Amino acid sequence: MLVLTDIYIYPIKSMGGIRLETANCLERGLEFDRRWMLVDERGRFVSQREHAHMSLFKISIDNDGFTLQYRDEHRSIPKQLTGNNFSDVQVWGDTCKGLILEDEVNSWLSNILGFEVRLAYQANDDQRKVDPDFAKNGEVTSLSDGYPYLALGQSSLDMLNEKLSDPIHINRFRANLVFSGGQPHEEDNWTAFKIGGTNFYGAKPCSRCQVITINQETAEIGKEPTKTLARYRNFNHKIKFGMNVLCSSEGSISVGDEIVLL
């Protein structure tokens, strides 16, 4: 039996994640997932790819909003942002409609990172489309790299860790939906499936970048697990690990829900 064991959201793109017991599933992703991101002076997104120590920002959630922590310092940000301070922001080749947070937190973040950044929130009416080659019905996503959900089997990680001299945590892969049961990498072949009363379908296996080589607790960069994955998960010069997923009906999911393949 396939069982959902972990649910993760990443409220600010490329920063720490939050494990949830229950979450609301929306077309663009889990509620609150990657609706915020840092942008530079040009409005381009900022990520761990260039700034590994972004991994050291940890996030927690409460009724009032999110608490962003860097070492022993804290700042608060809202769950959502409204107003008229719109700006065009960019994620890869997409231009999105962003709301810029006008707050001291931007100065705090800029001082830590060493260059000017601002926090941008994806406007509620922004319609950022997923790649039409893999969409089913013109689906949209949040400020994720390209797809609203990422599913990953614990058995896939277990197989990788058996090959590594130093096992790694699943947070390297920034999955939203982690499940137990089944064979390693069986998620590669998932088409339609259901978690609780919510329907999903697989878009394509996820191509991995250098973020998986960053220790999310120390920001240290190594060669693994990319070196090992290249030996058995290399497809046309792209390392693939986990499955990009779309949501075809909104609803709620909870840890412990059975995953039913359709």
Protein backbone atom coordinates (compact mmCIF):
# COMPACT_ATOMS: atom_id res chain seq x y z
CA MET A 1 0.00 0.00 0.00
CA LEU A 2 1.17 3.52 -0.80
CA VAL A 3 0.80 5.96 2.09
CA LEU A 4 1.41 9.72 2.29
CA THR A 5 3.99 10.12 5.07
CA ASP A 6 5.06 13.79 4.78
CA ILE A 7 3.65 17.04 3.42
CA TYR A 8 6.00 19.99 2.94
CA ILE A 9 5.45 23.59 1.89
CA TYR A 10 8.17 26.12 1.07
CA PRO A 11 6.50 29.53 1.58
CA ILE A 12 9.51 31.49 0.28
CA LYS A 13 11.13 30.03 -2.81
CA SER A 14 14.56 28.51 -2.10
CA MET A 15 14.30 28.91 1.67
CA GLY A 16 13.39 26.39 4.39
CA GLY A 17 10.36 24.15 4.34
CA ILE A 18 7.56 23.45 6.81
CA ARG A 19 6.21 19.96 7.47
CA LEU A 20 2.42 19.82 7.78
CA GLU A 21 0.01 17.15 8.93
CA THR A 22 -2.82 18.45 6.74
CA ALA A 23 -2.81 20.78 3.74
CA ASN A 24 -5.18 22.28 1.22
CA CYS A 25 -4.43 21.43 -2.40
CA LEU A 26 -4.99 24.15 -4.98
CA GLU A 27 -4.37 24.06 -8.70
CA ARG A 28 -1.23 26.20 -8.33
CA GLY A 29 0.13 24.04 -5.48
CA LEU A 30 -0.30 23.44 -1.78
CA GLU A 31 -1.78 26.43 0.02
CA PHE A 32 1.00 28.94 0.88
CA ASP A 33 3.62 26.98 -1.09
CA ARG A 34 6.12 29.20 -2.95
CA ARG A 35 3.91 32.25 -3.12
CA TRP A 36 6.84 34.41 -1.95
CA MET A 37 10.31 34.79 -3.42
CA LEU A 38 13.30 37.07 -3.22
CA VAL A 39 14.02 39.22 -6.27
CA ASP A 40 17.04 41.32 -7.12
CA GLU A 41 17.12 44.87 -8.47
CA ARG A 42 16.09 43.60 -11.92
CA GLY A 43 13.11 41.70 -10.51
CA ARG A 44 14.74 38.32 -11.17
CA PHE A 45 14.28 35.54 -8.65
CA VAL A 46 17.13 34.75 -6.26
CA SER A 47 17.84 31.13 -5.31
CA GLN A 48 20.21 28.72 -3.61
CA ARG A 49 21.78 28.00 -6.97
CA GLU A 50 23.82 31.18 -6.65
CA HIS A 51 23.44 31.81 -2.92
CA ALA A 52 23.70 28.54 -1.01
CA HIS A 53 23.35 30.17 2.41
CA MET A 54 19.69 30.87 1.63
CA SER A 55 19.25 27.31 2.93
CA LEU A 56 19.99 28.63 6.43
CA PHE A 57 16.74 30.62 6.52
CA LYS A 58 14.18 28.58 8.44
CA ILE A 59 10.45 29.25 8.42
CA SER A 60 7.62 28.48 10.83
CA ILE A 61 3.90 29.14 10.58
CA ASP A 62 1.23 30.32 13.00
CA ASN A 63 -2.20 31.91 12.78
CA ASP A 64 -0.78 35.38 12.14
CA GLY A 65 1.73 34.54 9.40
CA PHE A 66 5.23 33.19 8.96
CA THR A 67 8.30 33.67 11.11
CA LEU A 68 11.52 33.81 9.15
CA GLN A 69 14.63 32.90 11.14
CA TYR A 70 18.31 33.33 10.28
CA ARG A 71 20.54 32.08 13.08
CA ASP A 72 19.28 33.90 16.18
CA GLU A 73 17.40 36.67 14.35
CA HIS A 74 13.70 36.63 13.46
CA ARG A 75 11.35 38.58 11.23
CA SER A 76 7.64 38.20 10.52
CA ILE A 77 5.91 38.22 7.15
CA PRO A 78 2.21 37.79 6.31
CA LYS A 79 0.75 34.69 4.72
CA GLN A 80 -0.71 36.80 1.93
CA LEU A 81 -0.08 40.30 0.63
CA THR A 82 -2.60 42.71 -0.82
CA GLY A 83 -2.37 46.27 -2.10
CA ASN A 84 -1.28 48.03 -5.26
CA ASN A 85 2.52 47.87 -5.09
CA PHE A 86 2.75 45.69 -8.18
CA SER A 87 5.93 44.90 -10.07
CA ASP A 88 6.90 42.50 -12.84
CA VAL A 89 9.03 39.69 -11.40
CA GLN A 90 10.76 36.87 -13.23
CA VAL A 91 11.07 33.14 -12.64
CA TRP A 92 13.24 31.63 -15.35
CA GLY A 93 11.61 32.78 -18.60
CA ASP A 94 8.27 33.68 -17.04
CA THR A 95 7.21 37.17 -16.05
CA CYS A 96 4.79 37.17 -13.13
CA LYS A 97 2.62 39.75 -11.45
CA GLY A 98 4.20 40.36 -8.04
CA LEU A 99 3.34 42.45 -5.01
CA ILE A 100 6.42 43.92 -3.32
CA LEU A 101 6.57 43.88 0.46
CA GLU A 102 7.32 47.37 1.81
CA ASP A 103 8.96 46.50 5.07
CA GLU A 104 12.23 46.61 7.01
CA VAL A 105 12.56 42.88 6.37
CA ASN A 106 13.93 43.70 2.90
CA SER A 107 16.86 45.60 4.44
CA TRP A 108 17.46 42.75 6.87
CA LEU A 109 17.57 40.21 4.04
CA SER A 110 19.77 42.45 1.90
CA ASN A 111 22.30 42.85 4.70
CA ILE A 112 22.52 39.10 5.21
CA LEU A 113 22.87 38.28 1.51
CA GLY A 114 25.18 41.18 0.70
CA PHE A 115 23.16 42.73 -2.11
CA GLU A 116 19.79 44.41 -2.53
CA VAL A 117 16.79 42.10 -2.53
CA ARG A 118 13.07 42.51 -2.02
CA LEU A 119 10.35 40.05 -1.06
CA ALA A 120 7.73 39.60 -3.75
CA TYR A 121 4.37 37.85 -3.38
CA GLN A 122 2.64 36.25 -6.33
CA ALA A 123 -0.61 38.13 -6.89
CA ASN A 124 -3.70 36.00 -6.40
CA ASP A 125 -4.87 36.64 -9.94
CA ASP A 126 -1.51 35.88 -11.55
CA GLN A 127 -1.84 33.00 -14.03
CA ARG A 128 1.60 31.45 -14.51
CA LYS A 129 1.14 28.52 -16.86
CA VAL A 130 3.02 25.25 -16.65
CA ASP A 131 4.85 23.99 -19.74
CA PRO A 132 2.08 23.33 -22.31
CA ASP A 133 3.92 20.21 -23.48
CA PHE A 134 3.08 18.57 -20.15
CA ALA A 135 -0.11 20.37 -19.10
CA LYS A 136 -3.46 18.64 -19.34
CA ASN A 137 -5.85 21.57 -19.11
CA GLY A 138 -3.73 24.72 -19.11
CA GLU A 139 -2.76 24.38 -15.43
CA VAL A 140 -1.04 27.15 -13.52
CA THR A 141 1.65 27.06 -10.85
CA SER A 142 3.00 29.26 -8.10
CA LEU A 143 6.58 30.59 -8.05
CA SER A 144 7.98 27.05 -8.22
CA ASP A 145 10.54 26.24 -10.88
CA GLY A 146 7.87 24.90 -13.19
CA TYR A 147 5.22 22.65 -11.66
CA PRO A 148 2.87 22.98 -8.68
CA TYR A 149 3.73 19.71 -6.88
CA LEU A 150 6.65 17.33 -6.49
CA ALA A 151 6.09 13.74 -5.33
CA LEU A 152 8.92 11.53 -4.07
CA GLY A 153 8.96 7.99 -2.73
CA GLN A 154 10.83 7.21 0.48
CA SER A 155 12.03 4.01 -1.20
CA SER A 156 13.69 6.11 -3.92
CA LEU A 157 15.64 8.02 -1.28
CA ASP A 158 16.43 4.80 0.61
CA MET A 159 17.94 3.29 -2.54
CA LEU A 160 20.09 6.38 -3.06
CA ASN A 161 21.24 6.43 0.56
CA GLU A 162 22.32 2.81 0.33
CA LYS A 163 24.75 3.90 -2.37
CA LEU A 164 26.12 6.92 -0.44
CA SER A 165 28.80 6.77 2.23
CA ASP A 166 26.99 9.63 4.04
CA PRO A 167 23.18 9.37 3.81
CA ILE A 168 21.32 12.59 3.06
CA HIS A 169 18.03 14.03 4.25
CA ILE A 170 15.02 14.23 1.98
CA ASN A 171 15.04 18.02 2.34
CA ARG A 172 17.71 18.15 -0.38
CA PHE A 173 14.98 17.39 -2.91
CA ARG A 174 12.33 19.88 -1.75
CA ALA A 175 9.42 17.50 -2.30
CA ASN A 176 5.84 18.40 -1.39
CA LEU A 177 4.43 14.88 -1.20
CA VAL A 178 6.51 12.07 0.32
CA PHE A 179 5.13 8.54 0.42
CA SER A 180 6.05 5.11 1.68
CA GLY A 181 5.49 1.75 0.01
CA GLY A 182 6.08 0.63 -3.54
CA GLN A 183 9.30 0.21 -5.47
CA PRO A 184 12.11 2.75 -5.84
CA HIS A 185 11.24 5.34 -8.49
CA GLU A 186 7.85 3.90 -9.27
CA GLU A 187 6.56 7.48 -9.18
CA ASP A 188 8.29 7.96 -12.55
CA ASN A 189 5.41 6.07 -14.15
CA TRP A 190 2.47 7.49 -12.25
CA THR A 191 -0.26 8.93 -14.45
CA ALA A 192 -3.46 9.56 -12.51
CA PHE A 193 -3.71 9.02 -8.75
CA LYS A 194 -5.76 10.05 -5.75
CA ILE A 195 -4.77 11.11 -2.24
CA GLY A 196 -7.77 11.24 0.06
CA GLY A 197 -10.46 12.86 -2.06
CA THR A 198 -8.05 14.88 -4.21
CA ASN A 199 -7.05 13.88 -7.74
CA PHE A 200 -3.58 14.33 -9.20
CA TYR A 201 -1.65 13.21 -12.24
CA GLY A 202 2.00 12.98 -13.11
CA ALA A 203 3.45 15.52 -15.54
CA LYS A 204 7.07 14.39 -15.95
CA PRO A 205 10.04 13.21 -13.87
CA CYS A 206 11.86 16.11 -12.21
CA SER A 207 15.24 17.16 -13.62
CA ARG A 208 17.57 18.04 -10.76
CA CYS A 209 19.94 20.99 -10.45
CA GLN A 210 22.87 21.71 -8.14
CA VAL A 211 20.61 22.51 -5.17
CA ILE A 212 20.60 18.81 -4.24
CA THR A 213 24.35 19.11 -3.48
CA ILE A 214 23.73 21.78 -0.78
CA ASN A 215 23.51 20.64 2.83
CA GLN A 216 20.32 22.36 3.98
CA GLU A 217 21.55 22.66 7.57
CA THR A 218 25.06 24.01 6.95
CA ALA A 219 24.92 25.44 3.37
CA GLU A 220 28.02 23.39 2.52
CA ILE A 221 28.25 22.35 -1.14
CA GLY A 222 29.54 18.91 -2.12
CA LYS A 223 29.61 16.57 -5.10
CA GLU A 224 26.96 14.21 -3.76
CA PRO A 225 24.36 13.04 -4.42
CA THR A 226 24.80 14.25 -8.01
CA LYS A 227 27.90 12.10 -8.56
CA THR A 228 26.13 8.93 -7.49
CA LEU A 229 22.84 9.73 -9.19
CA ALA A 230 24.68 10.29 -12.46
CA ARG A 231 25.52 6.59 -12.48
CA TYR A 232 21.94 5.32 -12.45
CA ARG A 233 19.49 8.23 -12.86
CA ASN A 234 21.01 9.96 -15.89
CA PHE A 235 18.57 10.37 -18.77
CA ASN A 236 19.89 12.25 -21.81
CA HIS A 237 22.38 14.11 -19.59
CA LYS A 238 19.71 15.08 -17.05
CA ILE A 239 19.51 13.62 -13.56
CA LYS A 240 15.92 12.85 -12.66
CA PHE A 241 14.63 12.21 -9.17
CA GLY A 242 10.99 12.58 -8.13
CA MET A 243 7.88 13.35 -10.16
CA ASN A 244 6.41 16.72 -11.13
CA VAL A 245 2.69 16.56 -10.43
CA LEU A 246 -0.45 18.50 -11.36
CA CYS A 247 -3.69 18.74 -9.38
CA SER A 248 -6.90 18.03 -11.26
CA SER A 249 -9.34 18.57 -8.36
CA GLU A 250 -8.86 20.75 -5.32
CA GLY A 251 -9.28 19.35 -1.82
CA SER A 252 -7.42 18.55 1.38
CA ILE A 253 -4.89 15.84 2.15
CA SER A 254 -3.43 14.51 5.40
CA VAL A 255 -0.43 12.47 6.48
CA GLY A 256 -1.59 8.85 6.61
CA ASP A 257 -3.84 9.10 3.56
CA GLU A 258 -3.63 6.19 1.16
CA ILE A 259 -2.42 6.95 -2.36
CA VAL A 260 -4.52 5.13 -4.93
CA LEU A 261 -3.22 4.79 -8.48
CA LEU A 262 -5.97 5.23 -11.05
